[in-house]
Amino acid sequence: QQKYGKCTAGFSKNTYYRFMQNPHIKWLRFTILLAERIVNGHLKDLTSDQRADCFVFDDSPYSRTGYKKTELVAKVFDHVSMTYKKGFRMMTMGWTDGSSFVPIASSLLSSKND
């Protein structure tokens, strides 16, 4: 929006970048509270009580093609292609009701070993 001049916010893009780079913001807590508000405030009313909802945990590989300059990149096994690739494991937690999915938290996992 800032790029096309359609931004109506009362702050500049420098304020946005300083906010995103702030190390004191608890991003995991923020994403969990945001997901909770989306699910309980909007999605629960759209589904019936007979529909089962659950948490989903996914451990997917996150491959890095230009890995020579990437820190902590490790060899991970991809169970789909049955090969080893350089990259990370991406652990994701989400909520689903069978037709929609809301990501709650995610983290990149690595190893200190090559």
PDB file of N, CA and C in Angstrom:
ATOM      1  N   GLN A   1       0.822  -1.191   0.000  1.00  0.00           N
ATOM      2  CA  GLN A   1       0.000   0.000   0.000  1.00  0.00           C
ATOM      3  C   GLN A   1       0.864   1.250   0.000  1.00  0.00           C
ATOM      4  N   GLN A   2       1.958   1.186   0.724  1.00  0.00           N
ATOM      5  CA  GLN A   2       2.868   2.335   0.763  1.00  0.00           C
ATOM      6  C   GLN A   2       3.482   2.568  -0.615  1.00  0.00           C
ATOM      7  N   LYS A   3       3.772   1.500  -1.336  1.00  0.00           N
ATOM      8  CA  LYS A   3       4.412   1.595  -2.645  1.00  0.00           C
ATOM      9  C   LYS A   3       3.517   2.275  -3.673  1.00  0.00           C
ATOM     10  N   TYR A   4       2.221   1.987  -3.629  1.00  0.00           N
ATOM     11  CA  TYR A   4       1.294   2.537  -4.612  1.00  0.00           C
ATOM     12  C   TYR A   4       0.583   3.804  -4.138  1.00  0.00           C
ATOM     13  N   GLY A   5       0.950   4.308  -2.969  1.00  0.00           N
ATOM     14  CA  GLY A   5       0.375   5.546  -2.479  1.00  0.00           C
ATOM     15  C   GLY A   5      -1.035   5.407  -1.924  1.00  0.00           C
ATOM     16  N   LYS A   6      -1.441   4.185  -1.584  1.00  0.00           N
ATOM     17  CA  LYS A   6      -2.784   3.953  -1.061  1.00  0.00           C
ATOM     18  C   LYS A   6      -2.785   3.776   0.454  1.00  0.00           C
ATOM     19  N   CYS A   7      -1.661   4.040   1.090  1.00  0.00           N
ATOM     20  CA  CYS A   7      -1.551   3.859   2.531  1.00  0.00           C
ATOM     21  C   CYS A   7      -2.211   5.030   3.246  1.00  0.00           C
ATOM     22  N   THR A   8      -3.176   4.722   4.088  1.00  0.00           N
ATOM     23  CA  THR A   8      -3.879   5.767   4.841  1.00  0.00           C
ATOM     24  C   THR A   8      -3.495   5.731   6.315  1.00  0.00           C
ATOM     25  N   ALA A   9      -2.438   4.987   6.649  1.00  0.00           N
ATOM     26  CA  ALA A   9      -2.017   4.895   8.043  1.00  0.00           C
ATOM     27  C   ALA A   9      -1.410   6.218   8.492  1.00  0.00           C
ATOM     28  N   GLY A  10      -1.471   6.456   9.785  1.00  0.00           N
ATOM     29  CA  GLY A  10      -0.941   7.686  10.348  1.00  0.00           C
ATOM     30  C   GLY A  10       0.513   7.586  10.748  1.00  0.00           C
ATOM     31  N   PHE A  11       1.277   6.709  10.105  1.00  0.00           N
ATOM     32  CA  PHE A  11       2.685   6.571  10.423  1.00  0.00           C
ATOM     33  C   PHE A  11       3.467   6.335   9.140  1.00  0.00           C
ATOM     34  N   SER A  12       4.778   6.540   9.228  1.00  0.00           N
ATOM     35  CA  SER A  12       5.615   6.385   8.041  1.00  0.00           C
ATOM     36  C   SER A  12       6.120   4.953   7.919  1.00  0.00           C
ATOM     37  N   LYS A  13       6.729   4.643   6.793  1.00  0.00           N
ATOM     38  CA  LYS A  13       7.251   3.296   6.592  1.00  0.00           C
ATOM     39  C   LYS A  13       8.446   3.029   7.503  1.00  0.00           C
ATOM     40  N   ASN A  14       9.178   4.056   7.927  1.00  0.00           N
ATOM     41  CA  ASN A  14      10.278   3.867   8.867  1.00  0.00           C
ATOM     42  C   ASN A  14       9.768   3.374  10.216  1.00  0.00           C
ATOM     43  N   THR A  15       8.609   3.874  10.644  1.00  0.00           N
ATOM     44  CA  THR A  15       8.003   3.399  11.884  1.00  0.00           C
ATOM     45  C   THR A  15       7.651   1.927  11.768  1.00  0.00           C
ATOM     46  N   TYR A  16       7.117   1.529  10.637  1.00  0.00           N
ATOM     47  CA  TYR A  16       6.778   0.131  10.397  1.00  0.00           C
ATOM     48  C   TYR A  16       8.030  -0.741  10.455  1.00  0.00           C
ATOM     49  N   TYR A  17       9.102  -0.341   9.790  1.00  0.00           N
ATOM     50  CA  TYR A  17      10.328  -1.140   9.767  1.00  0.00           C
ATOM     51  C   TYR A  17      10.966  -1.218  11.153  1.00  0.00           C
ATOM     52  N   ARG A  18      10.940  -0.124  11.927  1.00  0.00           N
ATOM     53  CA  ARG A  18      11.470  -0.172  13.291  1.00  0.00           C
ATOM     54  C   ARG A  18      10.652  -1.120  14.154  1.00  0.00           C
ATOM     55  N   PHE A  19       9.332  -1.140  13.955  1.00  0.00           N
ATOM     56  CA  PHE A  19       8.463  -2.054  14.700  1.00  0.00           C
ATOM     57  C   PHE A  19       8.786  -3.500  14.359  1.00  0.00           C
ATOM     58  N   MET A  20       8.972  -3.806  13.074  1.00  0.00           N
ATOM     59  CA  MET A  20       9.240  -5.175  12.644  1.00  0.00           C
ATOM     60  C   MET A  20      10.616  -5.655  13.103  1.00  0.00           C
ATOM     61  N   GLN A  21      11.578  -4.747  13.255  1.00  0.00           N
ATOM     62  CA  GLN A  21      12.936  -5.117  13.646  1.00  0.00           C
ATOM     63  C   GLN A  21      13.166  -5.080  15.157  1.00  0.00           C
ATOM     64  N   ASN A  22      12.160  -4.707  15.939  1.00  0.00           N
ATOM     65  CA  ASN A  22      12.315  -4.574  17.374  1.00  0.00           C
ATOM     66  C   ASN A  22      12.512  -5.949  18.017  1.00  0.00           C
ATOM     67  N   PRO A  23      13.626  -6.184  18.703  1.00  0.00           N
ATOM     68  CA  PRO A  23      13.860  -7.498  19.308  1.00  0.00           C
ATOM     69  C   PRO A  23      13.063  -7.735  20.586  1.00  0.00           C
ATOM     70  N   HIS A  24      12.422  -6.709  21.117  1.00  0.00           N
ATOM     71  CA  HIS A  24      11.682  -6.848  22.371  1.00  0.00           C
ATOM     72  C   HIS A  24      10.230  -7.266  22.172  1.00  0.00           C
ATOM     73  N   ILE A  25       9.783  -7.343  20.933  1.00  0.00           N
ATOM     74  CA  ILE A  25       8.406  -7.752  20.666  1.00  0.00           C
ATOM     75  C   ILE A  25       8.338  -9.270  20.712  1.00  0.00           C
ATOM     76  N   LYS A  26       7.384  -9.796  21.448  1.00  0.00           N
ATOM     77  CA  LYS A  26       7.219 -11.240  21.587  1.00  0.00           C
ATOM     78  C   LYS A  26       6.332 -11.739  20.448  1.00  0.00           C
ATOM     79  N   TRP A  27       6.964 -12.086  19.305  1.00  0.00           N
ATOM     80  CA  TRP A  27       6.225 -12.439  18.108  1.00  0.00           C
ATOM     81  C   TRP A  27       5.437 -13.731  18.263  1.00  0.00           C
ATOM     82  N   LEU A  28       5.957 -14.695  18.993  1.00  0.00           N
ATOM     83  CA  LEU A  28       5.229 -15.954  19.186  1.00  0.00           C
ATOM     84  C   LEU A  28       3.943 -15.713  19.962  1.00  0.00           C
ATOM     85  N   ARG A  29       4.012 -14.931  21.008  1.00  0.00           N
ATOM     86  CA  ARG A  29       2.816 -14.595  21.784  1.00  0.00           C
ATOM     87  C   ARG A  29       1.821 -13.815  20.932  1.00  0.00           C
ATOM     88  N   PHE A  30       2.329 -12.891  20.117  1.00  0.00           N
ATOM     89  CA  PHE A  30       1.472 -12.098  19.251  1.00  0.00           C
ATOM     90  C   PHE A  30       0.720 -12.982  18.257  1.00  0.00           C
ATOM     91  N   THR A  31       1.428 -13.920  17.604  1.00  0.00           N
ATOM     92  CA  THR A  31       0.755 -14.772  16.620  1.00  0.00           C
ATOM     93  C   THR A  31      -0.241 -15.718  17.270  1.00  0.00           C
ATOM     94  N   ILE A  32       0.055 -16.196  18.473  1.00  0.00           N
ATOM     95  CA  ILE A  32      -0.893 -17.071  19.165  1.00  0.00           C
ATOM     96  C   ILE A  32      -2.155 -16.303  19.540  1.00  0.00           C
ATOM     97  N   LEU A  33      -2.008 -15.098  20.069  1.00  0.00           N
ATOM     98  CA  LEU A  33      -3.184 -14.293  20.435  1.00  0.00           C
ATOM     99  C   LEU A  33      -3.977 -13.879  19.197  1.00  0.00           C
ATOM    100  N   LEU A  34      -3.298 -13.570  18.103  1.00  0.00           N
ATOM    101  CA  LEU A  34      -3.984 -13.214  16.867  1.00  0.00           C
ATOM    102  C   LEU A  34      -4.777 -14.399  16.321  1.00  0.00           C
ATOM    103  N   ALA A  35      -4.172 -15.582  16.312  1.00  0.00           N
ATOM    104  CA  ALA A  35      -4.873 -16.776  15.839  1.00  0.00           C
ATOM    105  C   ALA A  35      -6.069 -17.106  16.734  1.00  0.00           C
ATOM    106  N   GLU A  36      -5.918 -16.933  18.036  1.00  0.00           N
ATOM    107  CA  GLU A  36      -7.025 -17.196  18.961  1.00  0.00           C
ATOM    108  C   GLU A  36      -8.188 -16.254  18.699  1.00  0.00           C
ATOM    109  N   ARG A  37      -7.889 -15.002  18.441  1.00  0.00           N
ATOM    110  CA  ARG A  37      -8.951 -14.036  18.169  1.00  0.00           C
ATOM    111  C   ARG A  37      -9.645 -14.329  16.837  1.00  0.00           C
ATOM    112  N   ILE A  38      -8.886 -14.748  15.830  1.00  0.00           N
ATOM    113  CA  ILE A  38      -9.476 -15.086  14.529  1.00  0.00           C
ATOM    114  C   ILE A  38     -10.374 -16.304  14.643  1.00  0.00           C
ATOM    115  N   VAL A  39      -9.892 -17.347  15.327  1.00  0.00           N
ATOM    116  CA  VAL A  39     -10.672 -18.586  15.443  1.00  0.00           C
ATOM    117  C   VAL A  39     -11.914 -18.366  16.286  1.00  0.00           C
ATOM    118  N   ASN A  40     -11.752 -17.837  17.495  1.00  0.00           N
ATOM    119  CA  ASN A  40     -12.899 -17.689  18.395  1.00  0.00           C
ATOM    120  C   ASN A  40     -13.823 -16.538  18.009  1.00  0.00           C
ATOM    121  N   GLY A  41     -13.284 -15.504  17.390  1.00  0.00           N
ATOM    122  CA  GLY A  41     -14.110 -14.352  17.049  1.00  0.00           C
ATOM    123  C   GLY A  41     -14.808 -14.436  15.712  1.00  0.00           C
ATOM    124  N   HIS A  42     -14.245 -15.220  14.776  1.00  0.00           N
ATOM    125  CA  HIS A  42     -14.808 -15.227  13.426  1.00  0.00           C
ATOM    126  C   HIS A  42     -15.144 -16.614  12.905  1.00  0.00           C
ATOM    127  N   LEU A  43     -14.229 -17.571  13.066  1.00  0.00           N
ATOM    128  CA  LEU A  43     -14.423 -18.869  12.422  1.00  0.00           C
ATOM    129  C   LEU A  43     -15.348 -19.809  13.187  1.00  0.00           C
ATOM    130  N   LYS A  44     -15.379 -19.725  14.494  1.00  0.00           N
ATOM    131  CA  LYS A  44     -16.247 -20.621  15.284  1.00  0.00           C
ATOM    132  C   LYS A  44     -17.718 -20.413  14.946  1.00  0.00           C
ATOM    133  N   ASP A  45     -18.111 -19.186  14.650  1.00  0.00           N
ATOM    134  CA  ASP A  45     -19.510 -18.901  14.325  1.00  0.00           C
ATOM    135  C   ASP A  45     -19.890 -19.416  12.944  1.00  0.00           C
ATOM    136  N   LEU A  46     -18.911 -19.659  12.078  1.00  0.00           N
ATOM    137  CA  LEU A  46     -19.193 -20.097  10.719  1.00  0.00           C
ATOM    138  C   LEU A  46     -19.314 -21.608  10.584  1.00  0.00           C
ATOM    139  N   THR A  47     -18.896 -22.352  11.607  1.00  0.00           N
ATOM    140  CA  THR A  47     -18.956 -23.811  11.542  1.00  0.00           C
ATOM    141  C   THR A  47     -19.989 -24.338  12.516  1.00  0.00           C
ATOM    142  N   SER A  48     -20.488 -25.526  12.243  1.00  0.00           N
ATOM    143  CA  SER A  48     -21.490 -26.130  13.120  1.00  0.00           C
ATOM    144  C   SER A  48     -20.811 -26.838  14.283  1.00  0.00           C
ATOM    145  N   ASP A  49     -21.593 -27.149  15.308  1.00  0.00           N
ATOM    146  CA  ASP A  49     -21.054 -27.833  16.484  1.00  0.00           C
ATOM    147  C   ASP A  49     -20.730 -29.298  16.191  1.00  0.00           C
ATOM    148  N   GLN A  50     -21.341 -29.870  15.159  1.00  0.00           N
ATOM    149  CA  GLN A  50     -21.075 -31.262  14.814  1.00  0.00           C
ATOM    150  C   GLN A  50     -19.716 -31.439  14.137  1.00  0.00           C
ATOM    151  N   ARG A  51     -19.171 -30.389  13.593  1.00  0.00           N
ATOM    152  CA  ARG A  51     -17.882 -30.480  12.908  1.00  0.00           C
ATOM    153  C   ARG A  51     -16.763 -30.514  13.946  1.00  0.00           C
ATOM    154  N   ALA A  52     -15.888 -31.491  13.801  1.00  0.00           N
ATOM    155  CA  ALA A  52     -14.771 -31.629  14.735  1.00  0.00           C
ATOM    156  C   ALA A  52     -13.658 -30.669  14.345  1.00  0.00           C
ATOM    157  N   ASP A  53     -13.110 -29.999  15.336  1.00  0.00           N
ATOM    158  CA  ASP A  53     -11.959 -29.146  15.083  1.00  0.00           C
ATOM    159  C   ASP A  53     -10.777 -29.705  15.872  1.00  0.00           C
ATOM    160  N   CYS A  54      -9.584 -29.461  15.389  1.00  0.00           N
ATOM    161  CA  CYS A  54      -8.405 -30.028  16.030  1.00  0.00           C
ATOM    162  C   CYS A  54      -7.182 -29.172  15.742  1.00  0.00           C
ATOM    163  N   PHE A  55      -6.108 -29.474  16.478  1.00  0.00           N
ATOM    164  CA  PHE A  55      -4.814 -28.867  16.238  1.00  0.00           C
ATOM    165  C   PHE A  55      -4.017 -29.786  15.325  1.00  0.00           C
ATOM    166  N   VAL A  56      -3.236 -29.186  14.442  1.00  0.00           N
ATOM    167  CA  VAL A  56      -2.414 -29.936  13.505  1.00  0.00           C
ATOM    168  C   VAL A  56      -0.966 -29.529  13.718  1.00  0.00           C
ATOM    169  N   PHE A  57      -0.084 -30.529  13.808  1.00  0.00           N
ATOM    170  CA  PHE A  57       1.351 -30.285  13.907  1.00  0.00           C
ATOM    171  C   PHE A  57       2.006 -30.847  12.655  1.00  0.00           C
ATOM    172  N   ASP A  58       2.796 -30.031  11.991  1.00  0.00           N
ATOM    173  CA  ASP A  58       3.427 -30.421  10.741  1.00  0.00           C
ATOM    174  C   ASP A  58       4.924 -30.184  10.835  1.00  0.00           C
ATOM    175  N   ASP A  59       5.687 -31.185  10.458  1.00  0.00           N
ATOM    176  CA  ASP A  59       7.141 -31.112  10.462  1.00  0.00           C
ATOM    177  C   ASP A  59       7.606 -31.258   9.022  1.00  0.00           C
ATOM    178  N   SER A  60       7.735 -30.147   8.323  1.00  0.00           N
ATOM    179  CA  SER A  60       8.077 -30.154   6.904  1.00  0.00           C
ATOM    180  C   SER A  60       9.506 -29.675   6.688  1.00  0.00           C
ATOM    181  N   PRO A  61      10.151 -30.161   5.635  1.00  0.00           N
ATOM    182  CA  PRO A  61      11.478 -29.621   5.315  1.00  0.00           C
ATOM    183  C   PRO A  61      11.364 -28.252   4.662  1.00  0.00           C
ATOM    184  N   TYR A  62      12.303 -27.394   4.959  1.00  0.00           N
ATOM    185  CA  TYR A  62      12.392 -26.065   4.360  1.00  0.00           C
ATOM    186  C   TYR A  62      13.766 -25.978   3.722  1.00  0.00           C
ATOM    187  N   SER A  63      13.826 -26.283   2.441  1.00  0.00           N
ATOM    188  CA  SER A  63      15.130 -26.357   1.784  1.00  0.00           C
ATOM    189  C   SER A  63      15.621 -24.967   1.401  1.00  0.00           C
ATOM    190  N   ARG A  64      16.936 -24.820   1.429  1.00  0.00           N
ATOM    191  CA  ARG A  64      17.591 -23.562   1.066  1.00  0.00           C
ATOM    192  C   ARG A  64      18.518 -23.848  -0.106  1.00  0.00           C
ATOM    193  N   THR A  65      18.257 -23.186  -1.234  1.00  0.00           N
ATOM    194  CA  THR A  65      19.081 -23.431  -2.411  1.00  0.00           C
ATOM    195  C   THR A  65      20.425 -22.714  -2.325  1.00  0.00           C
ATOM    196  N   GLY A  66      20.459 -21.492  -1.858  1.00  0.00           N
ATOM    197  CA  GLY A  66      21.716 -20.753  -1.710  1.00  0.00           C
ATOM    198  C   GLY A  66      22.228 -20.874  -0.297  1.00  0.00           C
ATOM    199  N   TYR A  67      22.518 -22.098   0.140  1.00  0.00           N
ATOM    200  CA  TYR A  67      22.788 -22.363   1.542  1.00  0.00           C
ATOM    201  C   TYR A  67      24.214 -22.031   1.975  1.00  0.00           C
ATOM    202  N   LYS A  68      25.116 -21.703   1.078  1.00  0.00           N
ATOM    203  CA  LYS A  68      26.507 -21.484   1.474  1.00  0.00           C
ATOM    204  C   LYS A  68      26.668 -20.283   2.399  1.00  0.00           C
ATOM    205  N   LYS A  69      25.785 -19.296   2.297  1.00  0.00           N
ATOM    206  CA  LYS A  69      25.878 -18.110   3.144  1.00  0.00           C
ATOM    207  C   LYS A  69      24.811 -18.100   4.237  1.00  0.00           C
ATOM    208  N   THR A  70      24.062 -19.194   4.376  1.00  0.00           N
ATOM    209  CA  THR A  70      23.003 -19.272   5.368  1.00  0.00           C
ATOM    210  C   THR A  70      23.536 -19.937   6.636  1.00  0.00           C
ATOM    211  N   GLU A  71      23.288 -19.331   7.787  1.00  0.00           N
ATOM    212  CA  GLU A  71      23.760 -19.876   9.050  1.00  0.00           C
ATOM    213  C   GLU A  71      22.931 -21.074   9.481  1.00  0.00           C
ATOM    214  N   LEU A  72      23.559 -22.016  10.142  1.00  0.00           N
ATOM    215  CA  LEU A  72      22.948 -23.195  10.755  1.00  0.00           C
ATOM    216  C   LEU A  72      22.165 -24.074   9.782  1.00  0.00           C
ATOM    217  N   VAL A  73      22.474 -24.015   8.491  1.00  0.00           N
ATOM    218  CA  VAL A  73      21.814 -24.893   7.549  1.00  0.00           C
ATOM    219  C   VAL A  73      22.351 -26.307   7.779  1.00  0.00           C
ATOM    220  N   ALA A  74      21.480 -27.290   7.715  1.00  0.00           N
ATOM    221  CA  ALA A  74      21.869 -28.671   7.991  1.00  0.00           C
ATOM    222  C   ALA A  74      21.271 -29.589   6.939  1.00  0.00           C
ATOM    223  N   LYS A  75      21.721 -30.813   6.935  1.00  0.00           N
ATOM    224  CA  LYS A  75      21.195 -31.817   6.023  1.00  0.00           C
ATOM    225  C   LYS A  75      19.932 -32.403   6.652  1.00  0.00           C
ATOM    226  N   VAL A  76      18.787 -32.276   5.972  1.00  0.00           N
ATOM    227  CA  VAL A  76      17.514 -32.797   6.476  1.00  0.00           C
ATOM    228  C   VAL A  76      16.954 -33.799   5.474  1.00  0.00           C
ATOM    229  N   PHE A  77      16.221 -34.770   5.986  1.00  0.00           N
ATOM    230  CA  PHE A  77      15.651 -35.802   5.133  1.00  0.00           C
ATOM    231  C   PHE A  77      14.232 -35.426   4.750  1.00  0.00           C
ATOM    232  N   ASP A  78      13.951 -35.438   3.449  1.00  0.00           N
ATOM    233  CA  ASP A  78      12.622 -35.159   2.920  1.00  0.00           C
ATOM    234  C   ASP A  78      11.921 -36.491   2.682  1.00  0.00           C
ATOM    235  N   HIS A  79      10.871 -36.769   3.444  1.00  0.00           N
ATOM    236  CA  HIS A  79      10.171 -38.049   3.363  1.00  0.00           C
ATOM    237  C   HIS A  79       9.323 -38.177   2.100  1.00  0.00           C
ATOM    238  N   VAL A  80       9.043 -37.084   1.434  1.00  0.00           N
ATOM    239  CA  VAL A  80       8.245 -37.146   0.206  1.00  0.00           C
ATOM    240  C   VAL A  80       9.114 -37.596  -0.966  1.00  0.00           C
ATOM    241  N   SER A  81      10.261 -36.933  -1.138  1.00  0.00           N
ATOM    242  CA  SER A  81      11.144 -37.288  -2.255  1.00  0.00           C
ATOM    243  C   SER A  81      12.162 -38.359  -1.871  1.00  0.00           C
ATOM    244  N   MET A  82      12.236 -38.710  -0.580  1.00  0.00           N
ATOM    245  CA  MET A  82      13.160 -39.724  -0.056  1.00  0.00           C
ATOM    246  C   MET A  82      14.620 -39.359  -0.339  1.00  0.00           C
ATOM    247  N   THR A  83      14.949 -38.079  -0.207  1.00  0.00           N
ATOM    248  CA  THR A  83      16.310 -37.607  -0.415  1.00  0.00           C
ATOM    249  C   THR A  83      16.695 -36.665   0.717  1.00  0.00           C
ATOM    250  N   TYR A  84      17.994 -36.455   0.863  1.00  0.00           N
ATOM    251  CA  TYR A  84      18.500 -35.463   1.802  1.00  0.00           C
ATOM    252  C   TYR A  84      18.663 -34.133   1.072  1.00  0.00           C
ATOM    253  N   LYS A  85      18.318 -33.063   1.760  1.00  0.00           N
ATOM    254  CA  LYS A  85      18.468 -31.718   1.205  1.00  0.00           C
ATOM    255  C   LYS A  85      19.090 -30.826   2.266  1.00  0.00           C
ATOM    256  N   LYS A  86      19.731 -29.758   1.826  1.00  0.00           N
ATOM    257  CA  LYS A  86      20.262 -28.772   2.764  1.00  0.00           C
ATOM    258  C   LYS A  86      19.164 -27.781   3.101  1.00  0.00           C
ATOM    259  N   GLY A  87      18.956 -27.543   4.388  1.00  0.00           N
ATOM    260  CA  GLY A  87      17.921 -26.608   4.808  1.00  0.00           C
ATOM    261  C   GLY A  87      17.598 -26.741   6.278  1.00  0.00           C
ATOM    262  N   PHE A  88      16.328 -26.575   6.610  1.00  0.00           N
ATOM    263  CA  PHE A  88      15.839 -26.604   7.983  1.00  0.00           C
ATOM    264  C   PHE A  88      14.611 -27.498   8.064  1.00  0.00           C
ATOM    265  N   ARG A  89      14.210 -27.820   9.274  1.00  0.00           N
ATOM    266  CA  ARG A  89      12.907 -28.425   9.515  1.00  0.00           C
ATOM    267  C   ARG A  89      11.994 -27.291   9.966  1.00  0.00           C
ATOM    268  N   MET A  90      10.811 -27.216   9.421  1.00  0.00           N
ATOM    269  CA  MET A  90       9.872 -26.164   9.794  1.00  0.00           C
ATOM    270  C   MET A  90       8.716 -26.808  10.550  1.00  0.00           C
ATOM    271  N   MET A  91       8.677 -26.584  11.863  1.00  0.00           N
ATOM    272  CA  MET A  91       7.621 -27.115  12.709  1.00  0.00           C
ATOM    273  C   MET A  91       6.501 -26.090  12.773  1.00  0.00           C
ATOM    274  N   THR A  92       5.297 -26.500  12.364  1.00  0.00           N
ATOM    275  CA  THR A  92       4.149 -25.602  12.321  1.00  0.00           C
ATOM    276  C   THR A  92       3.013 -26.185  13.136  1.00  0.00           C
ATOM    277  N   MET A  93       2.359 -25.335  13.920  1.00  0.00           N
ATOM    278  CA  MET A  93       1.165 -25.718  14.664  1.00  0.00           C
ATOM    279  C   MET A  93       0.014 -24.894  14.123  1.00  0.00           C
ATOM    280  N   GLY A  94      -1.109 -25.535  13.868  1.00  0.00           N
ATOM    281  CA  GLY A  94      -2.259 -24.826  13.345  1.00  0.00           C
ATOM    282  C   GLY A  94      -3.560 -25.403  13.857  1.00  0.00           C
ATOM    283  N   TRP A  95      -4.637 -24.700  13.596  1.00  0.00           N
ATOM    284  CA  TRP A  95      -5.987 -25.128  13.968  1.00  0.00           C
ATOM    285  C   TRP A  95      -6.776 -25.345  12.687  1.00  0.00           C
ATOM    286  N   THR A  96      -7.569 -26.425  12.655  1.00  0.00           N
ATOM    287  CA  THR A  96      -8.397 -26.689  11.492  1.00  0.00           C
ATOM    288  C   THR A  96      -9.759 -27.202  11.925  1.00  0.00           C
ATOM    289  N   ASP A  97     -10.739 -26.918  11.073  1.00  0.00           N
ATOM    290  CA  ASP A  97     -12.072 -27.478  11.271  1.00  0.00           C
ATOM    291  C   ASP A  97     -12.440 -28.398  10.116  1.00  0.00           C
ATOM    292  N   GLY A  98     -11.487 -28.749   9.302  1.00  0.00           N
ATOM    293  CA  GLY A  98     -11.715 -29.633   8.180  1.00  0.00           C
ATOM    294  C   GLY A  98     -11.787 -28.907   6.851  1.00  0.00           C
ATOM    295  N   SER A  99     -12.184 -27.651   6.863  1.00  0.00           N
ATOM    296  CA  SER A  99     -12.242 -26.894   5.608  1.00  0.00           C
ATOM    297  C   SER A  99     -11.381 -25.647   5.635  1.00  0.00           C
ATOM    298  N   SER A 100     -11.000 -25.179   6.800  1.00  0.00           N
ATOM    299  CA  SER A 100     -10.121 -24.013   6.889  1.00  0.00           C
ATOM    300  C   SER A 100      -8.961 -24.338   7.819  1.00  0.00           C
ATOM    301  N   PHE A 101      -7.864 -23.624   7.636  1.00  0.00           N
ATOM    302  CA  PHE A 101      -6.663 -23.835   8.437  1.00  0.00           C
ATOM    303  C   PHE A 101      -6.118 -22.488   8.868  1.00  0.00           C
ATOM    304  N   VAL A 102      -5.820 -22.344  10.161  1.00  0.00           N
ATOM    305  CA  VAL A 102      -5.240 -21.115  10.699  1.00  0.00           C
ATOM    306  C   VAL A 102      -3.902 -21.472  11.341  1.00  0.00           C
ATOM    307  N   PRO A 103      -2.782 -20.968  10.791  1.00  0.00           N
ATOM    308  CA  PRO A 103      -1.490 -21.232  11.430  1.00  0.00           C
ATOM    309  C   PRO A 103      -1.383 -20.465  12.738  1.00  0.00           C
ATOM    310  N   ILE A 104      -0.897 -21.136  13.763  1.00  0.00           N
ATOM    311  CA  ILE A 104      -0.800 -20.522  15.088  1.00  0.00           C
ATOM    312  C   ILE A 104       0.646 -20.156  15.403  1.00  0.00           C
ATOM    313  N   ALA A 105       1.542 -21.109  15.258  1.00  0.00           N
ATOM    314  CA  ALA A 105       2.947 -20.861  15.570  1.00  0.00           C
ATOM    315  C   ALA A 105       3.819 -21.711  14.659  1.00  0.00           C
ATOM    316  N   SER A 106       5.014 -21.220  14.401  1.00  0.00           N
ATOM    317  CA  SER A 106       5.953 -21.997  13.603  1.00  0.00           C
ATOM    318  C   SER A 106       7.370 -21.634  14.021  1.00  0.00           C
ATOM    319  N   SER A 107       8.283 -22.567  13.781  1.00  0.00           N
ATOM    320  CA  SER A 107       9.690 -22.304  14.072  1.00  0.00           C
ATOM    321  C   SER A 107      10.556 -23.141  13.156  1.00  0.00           C
ATOM    322  N   LEU A 108      11.724 -22.617  12.854  1.00  0.00           N
ATOM    323  CA  LEU A 108      12.697 -23.336  12.047  1.00  0.00           C
ATOM    324  C   LEU A 108      13.629 -24.094  12.974  1.00  0.00           C
ATOM    325  N   LEU A 109      13.797 -25.384  12.708  1.00  0.00           N
ATOM    326  CA  LEU A 109      14.661 -26.219  13.532  1.00  0.00           C
ATOM    327  C   LEU A 109      15.890 -26.594  12.729  1.00  0.00           C
ATOM    328  N   SER A 110      17.017 -26.657  13.393  1.00  0.00           N
ATOM    329  CA  SER A 110      18.250 -26.995  12.716  1.00  0.00           C
ATOM    330  C   SER A 110      19.131 -27.797  13.660  1.00  0.00           C
ATOM    331  N   SER A 111      20.306 -28.112  13.189  1.00  0.00           N
ATOM    332  CA  SER A 111      21.284 -28.836  13.974  1.00  0.00           C
ATOM    333  C   SER A 111      22.607 -28.097  13.877  1.00  0.00           C
ATOM    334  N   LYS A 112      23.384 -28.171  14.931  1.00  0.00           N
ATOM    335  CA  LYS A 112      24.702 -27.538  14.867  1.00  0.00           C
ATOM    336  C   LYS A 112      25.688 -28.403  14.100  1.00  0.00           C
ATOM    337  N   ASN A 113      25.326 -29.671  13.854  1.00  0.00           N
ATOM    338  CA  ASN A 113      26.169 -30.567  13.069  1.00  0.00           C
ATOM    339  C   ASN A 113      25.940 -30.339  11.586  1.00  0.00           C
ATOM    340  N   ASP A 114      26.963 -30.510  10.785  1.00  0.00           N
ATOM    341  CA  ASP A 114      26.806 -30.390   9.322  1.00  0.00           C
ATOM    342  C   ASP A 114      25.988 -31.549   8.794  1.00  0.00           C
TER     343      ASP A 114
END
